[in-house]
Amino acid sequence: MNVQIIEKNGRPEWAVIPYEEYERLVAEAEMLQDIQDFDEAKAALANGDEELIPSEVTYALLDGKNPLRVWREYRGLTQQQVADAAQISKPYLSQLESGQRNGTTEVMAAIAKALNVSLDDVVMSDQKR
């Protein structure tokens, strides 16, 4: 490698390298970061800290389907099971799923906990409604 060292006060301050070498080093650093990210994701999956979500769930959410219903159905739970776990009535959950009512933050948090997802996963933004 052809390197030019520039000193300041007798100490190395800068290293000048050919641009092609710089590009190669950047690409290798990015590849190393990708490998580390991949290893962390695999470890999180193995530890149960993360889960893989099927594309059908992702597409349903992106298509604007009600996230409460999407997550409940994905988890294989009935409305009654989720309502019981969230300590709300089944009709109230049904109204939330159909968009007839909006839940309080506390209710939505309880439902999210029952579905084992974050609050952000079950709250529809105004842009999605």
C-alpha atoms as a PDB file:
ATOM      1  CA  MET A   1       0.000   0.000   0.000  1.00  0.00           C
ATOM      2  CA  ASN A   2       1.327   3.409  -0.968  1.00  0.00           C
ATOM      3  CA  VAL A   3       0.844   5.686   2.066  1.00  0.00           C
ATOM      4  CA  GLN A   4       2.050   9.225   2.634  1.00  0.00           C
ATOM      5  CA  ILE A   5       2.332  10.213   6.314  1.00  0.00           C
ATOM      6  CA  ILE A   6       1.978  13.900   7.142  1.00  0.00           C
ATOM      7  CA  GLU A   7       3.371  14.953  10.479  1.00  0.00           C
ATOM      8  CA  LYS A   8       2.515  17.807  12.795  1.00  0.00           C
ATOM      9  CA  ASN A   9       4.946  18.727  15.559  1.00  0.00           C
ATOM     10  CA  GLY A  10       6.959  15.617  14.766  1.00  0.00           C
ATOM     11  CA  ARG A  11       4.014  13.227  15.202  1.00  0.00           C
ATOM     12  CA  PRO A  12       1.929  11.484  12.535  1.00  0.00           C
ATOM     13  CA  GLU A  13      -1.209  13.568  11.914  1.00  0.00           C
ATOM     14  CA  TRP A  14      -2.557  12.364   8.572  1.00  0.00           C
ATOM     15  CA  ALA A  15      -2.218   9.324   6.347  1.00  0.00           C
ATOM     16  CA  VAL A  16      -2.822   9.909   2.655  1.00  0.00           C
ATOM     17  CA  ILE A  17      -3.670   6.812   0.626  1.00  0.00           C
ATOM     18  CA  PRO A  18      -4.753   6.257  -2.979  1.00  0.00           C
ATOM     19  CA  TYR A  19      -8.484   6.736  -3.511  1.00  0.00           C
ATOM     20  CA  GLU A  20      -8.965   3.142  -4.684  1.00  0.00           C
ATOM     21  CA  GLU A  21      -7.425   1.936  -1.422  1.00  0.00           C
ATOM     22  CA  TYR A  22      -9.752   4.242   0.523  1.00  0.00           C
ATOM     23  CA  GLU A  23     -12.781   2.809  -1.307  1.00  0.00           C
ATOM     24  CA  ARG A  24     -11.616  -0.751  -0.576  1.00  0.00           C
ATOM     25  CA  LEU A  25     -11.179   0.031   3.130  1.00  0.00           C
ATOM     26  CA  VAL A  26     -14.640   1.632   3.318  1.00  0.00           C
ATOM     27  CA  ALA A  27     -16.216  -1.392   1.610  1.00  0.00           C
ATOM     28  CA  GLU A  28     -14.467  -3.769   4.018  1.00  0.00           C
ATOM     29  CA  ALA A  29     -15.583  -1.718   7.028  1.00  0.00           C
ATOM     30  CA  GLU A  30     -19.181  -1.766   5.772  1.00  0.00           C
ATOM     31  CA  MET A  31     -19.005  -5.524   5.211  1.00  0.00           C
ATOM     32  CA  LEU A  32     -17.672  -6.027   8.735  1.00  0.00           C
ATOM     33  CA  GLN A  33     -20.545  -3.936  10.141  1.00  0.00           C
ATOM     34  CA  ASP A  34     -23.055  -5.975   8.120  1.00  0.00           C
ATOM     35  CA  ILE A  35     -21.587  -9.200   9.525  1.00  0.00           C
ATOM     36  CA  GLN A  36     -21.772  -7.859  13.080  1.00  0.00           C
ATOM     37  CA  ASP A  37     -25.388  -6.722  12.577  1.00  0.00           C
ATOM     38  CA  PHE A  38     -26.299 -10.131  11.150  1.00  0.00           C
ATOM     39  CA  ASP A  39     -24.664 -11.949  14.068  1.00  0.00           C
ATOM     40  CA  GLU A  40     -26.505  -9.718  16.570  1.00  0.00           C
ATOM     41  CA  ALA A  41     -29.829 -10.363  14.825  1.00  0.00           C
ATOM     42  CA  LYS A  42     -29.230 -14.131  14.832  1.00  0.00           C
ATOM     43  CA  ALA A  43     -28.371 -14.027  18.536  1.00  0.00           C
ATOM     44  CA  ALA A  44     -31.504 -11.980  19.309  1.00  0.00           C
ATOM     45  CA  LEU A  45     -33.640 -14.522  17.442  1.00  0.00           C
ATOM     46  CA  ALA A  46     -31.958 -17.436  19.209  1.00  0.00           C
ATOM     47  CA  ASN A  47     -32.459 -15.782  22.618  1.00  0.00           C
ATOM     48  CA  GLY A  48     -36.123 -15.040  21.914  1.00  0.00           C
ATOM     49  CA  ASP A  49     -35.513 -11.283  22.076  1.00  0.00           C
ATOM     50  CA  GLU A  50     -36.744 -10.880  18.489  1.00  0.00           C
ATOM     51  CA  GLU A  51     -39.109 -12.790  16.249  1.00  0.00           C
ATOM     52  CA  LEU A  52     -39.549 -13.212  12.534  1.00  0.00           C
ATOM     53  CA  ILE A  53     -42.841 -11.849  11.264  1.00  0.00           C
ATOM     54  CA  PRO A  54     -44.396 -13.518   8.194  1.00  0.00           C
ATOM     55  CA  SER A  55     -44.764 -11.371   5.104  1.00  0.00           C
ATOM     56  CA  GLU A  56     -48.550 -11.810   5.237  1.00  0.00           C
ATOM     57  CA  VAL A  57     -48.627  -9.955   8.562  1.00  0.00           C
ATOM     58  CA  THR A  58     -46.359  -7.224   7.265  1.00  0.00           C
ATOM     59  CA  TYR A  59     -48.414  -6.765   4.097  1.00  0.00           C
ATOM     60  CA  ALA A  60     -51.681  -6.683   6.047  1.00  0.00           C
ATOM     61  CA  LEU A  61     -50.300  -3.936   8.281  1.00  0.00           C
ATOM     62  CA  LEU A  62     -48.900  -1.999   5.315  1.00  0.00           C
ATOM     63  CA  ASP A  63     -52.275  -2.315   3.558  1.00  0.00           C
ATOM     64  CA  GLY A  64     -53.890  -0.491   6.485  1.00  0.00           C
ATOM     65  CA  LYS A  65     -55.630  -3.444   8.109  1.00  0.00           C
ATOM     66  CA  ASN A  66     -56.407  -2.927  11.782  1.00  0.00           C
ATOM     67  CA  PRO A  67     -53.263  -3.916  13.693  1.00  0.00           C
ATOM     68  CA  LEU A  68     -55.237  -5.256  16.656  1.00  0.00           C
ATOM     69  CA  ARG A  69     -56.991  -7.770  14.442  1.00  0.00           C
ATOM     70  CA  VAL A  70     -53.866  -8.577  12.410  1.00  0.00           C
ATOM     71  CA  TRP A  71     -51.766  -9.317  15.504  1.00  0.00           C
ATOM     72  CA  ARG A  72     -54.575 -11.178  17.279  1.00  0.00           C
ATOM     73  CA  GLU A  73     -55.164 -13.447  14.312  1.00  0.00           C
ATOM     74  CA  TYR A  74     -51.425 -13.981  13.823  1.00  0.00           C
ATOM     75  CA  ARG A  75     -51.095 -15.012  17.464  1.00  0.00           C
ATOM     76  CA  GLY A  76     -54.029 -17.411  17.024  1.00  0.00           C
ATOM     77  CA  LEU A  77     -56.077 -15.787  19.787  1.00  0.00           C
ATOM     78  CA  THR A  78     -59.808 -15.191  19.992  1.00  0.00           C
ATOM     79  CA  GLN A  79     -61.284 -11.811  20.788  1.00  0.00           C
ATOM     80  CA  GLN A  80     -62.394 -13.232  24.135  1.00  0.00           C
ATOM     81  CA  GLN A  81     -58.871 -14.369  25.025  1.00  0.00           C
ATOM     82  CA  VAL A  82     -57.383 -10.958  24.248  1.00  0.00           C
ATOM     83  CA  ALA A  83     -60.212  -9.115  25.987  1.00  0.00           C
ATOM     84  CA  ASP A  84     -59.773 -11.247  29.110  1.00  0.00           C
ATOM     85  CA  ALA A  85     -56.001 -10.726  29.140  1.00  0.00           C
ATOM     86  CA  ALA A  86     -56.424  -6.966  28.658  1.00  0.00           C
ATOM     87  CA  GLN A  87     -59.273  -6.842  31.199  1.00  0.00           C
ATOM     88  CA  ILE A  88     -61.741  -5.283  28.792  1.00  0.00           C
ATOM     89  CA  SER A  89     -65.011  -6.548  27.357  1.00  0.00           C
ATOM     90  CA  LYS A  90     -65.151  -8.517  24.133  1.00  0.00           C
ATOM     91  CA  PRO A  91     -67.594  -6.015  22.551  1.00  0.00           C
ATOM     92  CA  TYR A  92     -65.172  -3.177  23.342  1.00  0.00           C
ATOM     93  CA  LEU A  93     -62.316  -5.073  21.656  1.00  0.00           C
ATOM     94  CA  SER A  94     -64.560  -5.773  18.682  1.00  0.00           C
ATOM     95  CA  GLN A  95     -65.324  -2.054  18.376  1.00  0.00           C
ATOM     96  CA  LEU A  96     -61.614  -1.245  18.563  1.00  0.00           C
ATOM     97  CA  GLU A  97     -60.826  -3.800  15.862  1.00  0.00           C
ATOM     98  CA  SER A  98     -63.568  -2.482  13.585  1.00  0.00           C
ATOM     99  CA  GLY A  99     -62.487   1.127  14.083  1.00  0.00           C
ATOM    100  CA  GLN A 100     -65.788   2.137  15.711  1.00  0.00           C
ATOM    101  CA  ARG A 101     -63.970   3.259  18.858  1.00  0.00           C
ATOM    102  CA  ASN A 102     -60.531   4.479  19.841  1.00  0.00           C
ATOM    103  CA  GLY A 103     -58.870   3.003  22.890  1.00  0.00           C
ATOM    104  CA  THR A 104     -57.127   4.905  25.631  1.00  0.00           C
ATOM    105  CA  THR A 105     -53.383   4.577  25.920  1.00  0.00           C
ATOM    106  CA  GLU A 106     -53.851   2.333  28.941  1.00  0.00           C
ATOM    107  CA  VAL A 107     -56.250   0.008  27.123  1.00  0.00           C
ATOM    108  CA  MET A 108     -54.077  -0.147  24.022  1.00  0.00           C
ATOM    109  CA  ALA A 109     -51.027  -0.902  26.188  1.00  0.00           C
ATOM    110  CA  ALA A 110     -52.912  -3.738  27.891  1.00  0.00           C
ATOM    111  CA  ILE A 111     -53.930  -5.166  24.531  1.00  0.00           C
ATOM    112  CA  ALA A 112     -50.366  -4.846  23.225  1.00  0.00           C
ATOM    113  CA  LYS A 113     -49.135  -6.760  26.258  1.00  0.00           C
ATOM    114  CA  ALA A 114     -51.747  -9.468  25.670  1.00  0.00           C
ATOM    115  CA  LEU A 115     -50.571  -9.747  22.053  1.00  0.00           C
ATOM    116  CA  ASN A 116     -46.883  -9.676  23.040  1.00  0.00           C
ATOM    117  CA  VAL A 117     -46.122  -6.643  20.860  1.00  0.00           C
ATOM    118  CA  SER A 118     -45.172  -3.041  21.554  1.00  0.00           C
ATOM    119  CA  LEU A 119     -47.730  -0.274  21.926  1.00  0.00           C
ATOM    120  CA  ASP A 120     -46.448   1.188  18.648  1.00  0.00           C
ATOM    121  CA  ASP A 121     -47.344  -2.078  16.916  1.00  0.00           C
ATOM    122  CA  VAL A 122     -51.054  -1.775  17.749  1.00  0.00           C
ATOM    123  CA  VAL A 123     -51.665   1.965  17.466  1.00  0.00           C
ATOM    124  CA  MET A 124     -52.631   3.153  14.011  1.00  0.00           C
ATOM    125  CA  SER A 125     -51.242   6.538  13.066  1.00  0.00           C
ATOM    126  CA  ASP A 126     -53.599   9.097  11.544  1.00  0.00           C
ATOM    127  CA  GLN A 127     -51.852   8.529   8.201  1.00  0.00           C
ATOM    128  CA  LYS A 128     -52.900   4.858   8.225  1.00  0.00           C
ATOM    129  CA  ARG A 129     -56.545   5.396   9.182  1.00  0.00           C
END
